[in-house]
């Protein structure tokens, strides 16, 4: 009689690879974003209304022949901030309040893994945002410049801005109470809408205030997008460096101070 060796069924539990953990969390975050009507209002409806309103009604003197050519890049920047910062900060703040993040903290997902997952989910939503906003702008007579190179440069700027805004959103949501995050995120949204060159040129500000305004991430994004899409120029180094700096500092601070509960 032949003998067979016993089969070893000893379990060997271990965490999934980091990439798989991040992608799984990103898929969950994306589904939650698309199911949230308030988020879609903030991230899509309001930017489209601003684009249509300021393009068709001369509420502000933009000093340009085509209003929509000036406004479309700024509204793309606003939509990026709406999704990556405002909506994400508020949503994450209440996830922390209700104990969702506490449960995530008991999993192998790290703080930087959560940041990466939320950033990936936001980027997926922004593809939809950009498609809708660009379609509306084209219908209003927008004539983007720069061709394929300009489009790729704009995409790079939006990715960098998303990383910066996501890091800042998690920093705020991970350190403040949910109610404070709600108030602060909306306040920042309104302030940056006014200061960030979204609906009127930043050179209208006093000279003493310009260095501060130009250092804001929303200003860097709107200026950069306007440079490549309205002027057809090469990717500007200044806005890229500003966005990289905000992304790096925000990620370090979020990784250091973010609290799961």
Protein backbone atom coordinates (compact mmCIF):
# COMPACT_ATOMS: atom_id res chain seq x y z
CA UNK A 1 0.00 0.00 0.00
CA UNK A 2 1.44 3.33 -1.00
CA UNK A 3 1.55 6.03 1.59
CA UNK A 4 0.72 9.65 0.87
CA UNK A 5 2.11 12.61 2.72
CA UNK A 6 -0.43 14.62 4.74
CA UNK A 7 -1.62 17.89 3.27
CA UNK A 8 -0.85 20.94 5.38
CA UNK A 9 -3.91 23.17 5.80
CA UNK A 10 -2.27 25.50 8.28
CA UNK A 11 -3.74 29.00 7.70
CA UNK A 12 -1.32 31.81 6.96
CA UNK A 13 -3.33 35.02 7.31
CA UNK A 14 -1.71 38.22 6.17
CA UNK A 15 -2.67 41.61 4.84
CA UNK A 16 -3.31 42.08 1.15
CA UNK A 17 -0.59 43.92 -0.79
CA UNK A 18 -0.60 47.68 -0.25
CA UNK A 19 -1.64 48.39 -3.85
CA UNK A 20 -4.66 46.10 -3.58
CA UNK A 21 -5.70 47.68 -0.28
CA UNK A 22 -5.53 51.18 -1.75
CA UNK A 23 -7.45 50.22 -4.92
CA UNK A 24 -10.18 48.47 -2.92
CA UNK A 25 -10.63 51.51 -0.68
CA UNK A 26 -10.57 53.82 -3.72
CA UNK A 27 -13.41 51.82 -5.31
CA UNK A 28 -15.47 52.16 -2.14
CA UNK A 29 -14.78 55.89 -1.90
CA UNK A 30 -15.81 56.38 -5.53
CA UNK A 31 -19.14 54.58 -5.04
CA UNK A 32 -19.88 56.69 -1.97
CA UNK A 33 -19.07 59.92 -3.83
CA UNK A 34 -21.34 59.09 -6.77
CA UNK A 35 -24.25 58.20 -4.45
CA UNK A 36 -24.08 61.49 -2.55
CA UNK A 37 -26.41 64.06 -4.12
CA UNK A 38 -25.08 66.94 -2.02
CA UNK A 39 -21.55 66.18 -3.17
CA UNK A 40 -22.61 66.19 -6.81
CA UNK A 41 -24.36 69.55 -6.30
CA UNK A 42 -21.17 71.06 -4.87
CA UNK A 43 -18.79 69.48 -7.35
CA UNK A 44 -20.73 69.70 -10.61
CA UNK A 45 -23.90 71.79 -10.55
CA UNK A 46 -22.46 74.92 -8.89
CA UNK A 47 -19.39 75.15 -11.19
CA UNK A 48 -21.59 74.70 -14.28
CA UNK A 49 -24.00 77.42 -13.09
CA UNK A 50 -21.09 79.79 -12.48
CA UNK A 51 -19.69 79.05 -15.93
CA UNK A 52 -23.01 79.65 -17.68
CA UNK A 53 -23.96 82.69 -15.57
CA UNK A 54 -20.70 84.63 -15.81
CA UNK A 55 -20.20 83.68 -19.49
CA UNK A 56 -23.60 84.89 -20.65
CA UNK A 57 -24.19 87.87 -18.33
CA UNK A 58 -21.53 90.63 -18.05
CA UNK A 59 -21.55 90.73 -14.25
CA UNK A 60 -17.78 91.30 -14.03
CA UNK A 61 -15.45 93.15 -16.41
CA UNK A 62 -12.93 90.45 -17.34
CA UNK A 63 -11.00 92.59 -19.78
CA UNK A 64 -11.01 89.91 -22.44
CA UNK A 65 -12.76 89.51 -25.79
CA UNK A 66 -14.16 86.09 -24.93
CA UNK A 67 -15.58 85.67 -21.45
CA UNK A 68 -15.86 81.90 -21.67
CA UNK A 69 -12.20 81.56 -22.72
CA UNK A 70 -11.23 83.22 -19.45
CA UNK A 71 -13.83 81.51 -17.26
CA UNK A 72 -13.56 77.88 -18.39
CA UNK A 73 -10.06 77.25 -16.90
CA UNK A 74 -11.07 78.97 -13.67
CA UNK A 75 -14.23 76.90 -13.33
CA UNK A 76 -12.21 73.71 -13.95
CA UNK A 77 -9.97 74.81 -11.07
CA UNK A 78 -13.00 75.48 -8.85
CA UNK A 79 -14.48 72.07 -9.65
CA UNK A 80 -11.17 70.43 -8.74
CA UNK A 81 -11.11 72.20 -5.39
CA UNK A 82 -14.79 71.43 -4.75
CA UNK A 83 -14.24 67.69 -5.10
CA UNK A 84 -10.73 67.25 -3.76
CA UNK A 85 -10.96 69.66 -0.82
CA UNK A 86 -14.41 70.85 0.23
CA UNK A 87 -16.46 67.72 -0.40
CA UNK A 88 -13.72 65.40 0.78
CA UNK A 89 -13.03 67.33 3.99
CA UNK A 90 -16.71 67.39 4.96
CA UNK A 91 -17.31 63.75 4.06
CA UNK A 92 -14.20 62.51 5.87
CA UNK A 93 -14.98 64.66 8.90
CA UNK A 94 -18.35 62.99 9.38
CA UNK A 95 -16.87 59.55 8.65
CA UNK A 96 -14.53 60.22 11.55
CA UNK A 97 -17.39 61.38 13.78
CA UNK A 98 -19.50 58.29 13.09
CA UNK A 99 -16.61 55.90 13.74
CA UNK A 100 -15.99 54.82 10.14
CA UNK A 101 -12.37 55.94 10.26
CA UNK A 102 -11.87 54.25 13.63
CA UNK A 103 -12.80 50.94 12.02
CA UNK A 104 -10.50 51.66 9.07
CA UNK A 105 -7.73 52.37 11.57
CA UNK A 106 -8.03 48.77 12.77
CA UNK A 107 -7.24 47.52 9.25
CA UNK A 108 -3.81 47.39 7.56
CA UNK A 109 -4.71 50.55 5.59
CA UNK A 110 -2.30 53.32 6.63
CA UNK A 111 -2.94 57.06 6.77
CA UNK A 112 -1.06 57.58 3.53
CA UNK A 113 -2.96 54.62 2.04
CA UNK A 114 -6.25 56.32 2.92
CA UNK A 115 -4.96 59.58 1.38
CA UNK A 116 -3.98 57.72 -1.80
CA UNK A 117 -7.36 55.93 -2.01
CA UNK A 118 -9.36 59.12 -1.56
CA UNK A 119 -7.18 60.92 -4.10
CA UNK A 120 -7.74 58.17 -6.69
CA UNK A 121 -11.51 58.32 -6.11
CA UNK A 122 -11.49 62.09 -6.51
CA UNK A 123 -9.51 61.83 -9.76
CA UNK A 124 -12.12 59.46 -11.16
CA UNK A 125 -14.91 61.91 -10.30
CA UNK A 126 -12.92 64.75 -11.85
CA UNK A 127 -12.81 62.97 -15.19
CA UNK A 128 -16.61 63.23 -15.23
CA UNK A 129 -16.46 66.83 -14.01
CA UNK A 130 -14.00 67.88 -16.69
CA UNK A 131 -16.02 66.19 -19.44
CA UNK A 132 -19.25 67.97 -18.43
CA UNK A 133 -17.65 71.38 -17.85
CA UNK A 134 -15.68 71.24 -21.11
CA UNK A 135 -18.80 70.21 -23.04
CA UNK A 136 -20.77 73.14 -21.58
CA UNK A 137 -17.89 75.55 -22.24
CA UNK A 138 -17.56 74.38 -25.86
CA UNK A 139 -21.31 74.88 -26.32
CA UNK A 140 -20.85 78.45 -25.05
CA UNK A 141 -18.11 79.12 -27.63
CA UNK A 142 -14.95 78.17 -25.74
CA UNK A 143 -11.87 77.85 -27.98
CA UNK A 144 -9.14 76.08 -25.96
CA UNK A 145 -5.58 76.57 -27.16
CA UNK A 146 -2.49 74.39 -26.98
CA UNK A 147 -3.84 71.23 -28.63
CA UNK A 148 -2.85 67.87 -27.18
CA UNK A 149 0.12 69.32 -25.30
CA UNK A 150 -2.12 71.88 -23.66
CA UNK A 151 -4.62 69.19 -22.64
CA UNK A 152 -1.87 67.01 -21.15
CA UNK A 153 -0.42 70.00 -19.30
CA UNK A 154 -3.86 70.83 -17.91
CA UNK A 155 -4.32 67.22 -16.78
CA UNK A 156 -0.96 67.29 -14.98
CA UNK A 157 -1.87 70.52 -13.18
CA UNK A 158 -5.20 69.05 -12.07
CA UNK A 159 -3.53 65.87 -10.77
CA UNK A 160 -1.03 67.92 -8.75
CA UNK A 161 -3.83 70.13 -7.41
CA UNK A 162 -5.89 67.08 -6.49
CA UNK A 163 -3.00 65.68 -4.46
CA UNK A 164 -2.56 69.03 -2.69
CA UNK A 165 -6.26 69.58 -1.97
CA UNK A 166 -6.78 65.97 -0.84
CA UNK A 167 -3.92 66.21 1.63
CA UNK A 168 -5.27 69.48 3.03
CA UNK A 169 -8.78 68.03 3.24
CA UNK A 170 -7.60 65.02 5.25
CA UNK A 171 -5.48 67.27 7.47
CA UNK A 172 -8.55 69.36 8.30
CA UNK A 173 -10.93 66.42 8.68
CA UNK A 174 -8.46 64.45 10.77
CA UNK A 175 -7.79 67.19 13.30
CA UNK A 176 -11.05 69.17 13.69
CA UNK A 177 -14.47 68.07 14.88
CA UNK A 178 -16.98 67.30 12.10
CA UNK A 179 -19.03 70.46 12.73
CA UNK A 180 -15.90 72.61 12.71
CA UNK A 181 -14.72 70.91 9.51
CA UNK A 182 -18.09 71.61 7.86
CA UNK A 183 -17.89 75.32 8.72
CA UNK A 184 -14.19 75.71 7.93
CA UNK A 185 -14.36 73.85 4.59
CA UNK A 186 -17.28 75.96 3.37
CA UNK A 187 -15.57 79.15 4.54
CA UNK A 188 -12.37 78.22 2.70
CA UNK A 189 -14.42 77.40 -0.41
CA UNK A 190 -16.03 80.86 -0.45
CA UNK A 191 -12.77 82.70 0.32
CA UNK A 192 -10.77 80.85 -2.35
CA UNK A 193 -13.59 81.33 -4.86
CA UNK A 194 -13.07 85.06 -4.42
CA UNK A 195 -9.28 85.10 -4.16
CA UNK A 196 -8.29 82.34 -6.56
CA UNK A 197 -8.75 83.97 -9.94
CA UNK A 198 -11.77 81.81 -10.74
CA UNK A 199 -14.17 84.45 -12.08
CA UNK A 200 -11.96 87.55 -12.29
CA UNK A 201 -8.23 88.21 -12.84
CA UNK A 202 -5.95 88.14 -9.81
CA UNK A 203 -4.08 91.21 -11.07
CA UNK A 204 -7.05 93.27 -9.86
CA UNK A 205 -5.84 92.76 -6.28
CA UNK A 206 -3.54 95.32 -4.60
CA UNK A 207 0.15 94.73 -5.30
CA UNK A 208 0.86 94.10 -1.62
CA UNK A 209 -1.65 91.23 -1.58
CA UNK A 210 -0.54 89.56 -4.83
CA UNK A 211 2.29 87.39 -3.38
CA UNK A 212 -0.13 85.85 -0.88
CA UNK A 213 -2.83 85.31 -3.50
CA UNK A 214 -0.41 83.75 -5.99
CA UNK A 215 0.83 81.31 -3.33
CA UNK A 216 -2.65 79.79 -2.90
CA UNK A 217 -3.17 76.38 -4.54
CA UNK A 218 -6.42 77.46 -6.24
CA UNK A 219 -4.64 80.48 -7.77
CA UNK A 220 -1.75 78.32 -8.96
CA UNK A 221 -4.21 75.93 -10.60
CA UNK A 222 -6.43 78.56 -12.23
CA UNK A 223 -3.41 80.54 -13.46
CA UNK A 224 -1.70 77.43 -14.79
CA UNK A 225 -4.83 76.21 -16.58
CA UNK A 226 -5.39 79.63 -18.07
CA UNK A 227 -1.79 79.76 -19.29
CA UNK A 228 -1.98 76.46 -21.17
CA UNK A 229 -5.64 76.51 -22.28
CA UNK A 230 -6.36 80.20 -22.92
CA UNK A 231 -2.92 81.39 -24.01
CA UNK A 232 -1.62 78.14 -25.52
CA UNK A 233 1.70 78.62 -23.71
CA UNK A 234 4.02 75.97 -22.25
CA UNK A 235 3.41 74.45 -18.84
CA UNK A 236 4.31 77.21 -16.34
CA UNK A 237 6.90 76.27 -13.74
CA UNK A 238 5.67 78.61 -11.00
CA UNK A 239 2.20 77.06 -10.53
CA UNK A 240 3.69 73.56 -10.73
CA UNK A 241 6.12 74.33 -7.91
CA UNK A 242 3.37 75.89 -5.78
CA UNK A 243 1.13 72.83 -6.19
CA UNK A 244 4.02 70.43 -5.50
CA UNK A 245 4.88 72.34 -2.33
CA UNK A 246 1.27 72.26 -1.07
CA UNK A 247 0.97 68.56 -1.90
CA UNK A 248 4.21 67.65 -0.12
CA UNK A 249 3.57 69.74 2.99
CA UNK A 250 -0.06 68.66 3.18
CA UNK A 251 0.81 64.96 2.87
CA UNK A 252 3.48 65.19 5.58
CA UNK A 253 1.17 67.06 7.97
CA UNK A 254 -1.79 64.77 7.26
CA UNK A 255 0.36 61.70 7.84
CA UNK A 256 1.61 63.18 11.11
CA UNK A 257 -1.53 64.69 12.65
CA UNK A 258 -4.45 62.77 11.12
CA UNK A 259 -6.49 61.00 13.82
CA UNK A 260 -8.75 58.04 13.12
CA UNK A 261 -11.14 59.00 15.94
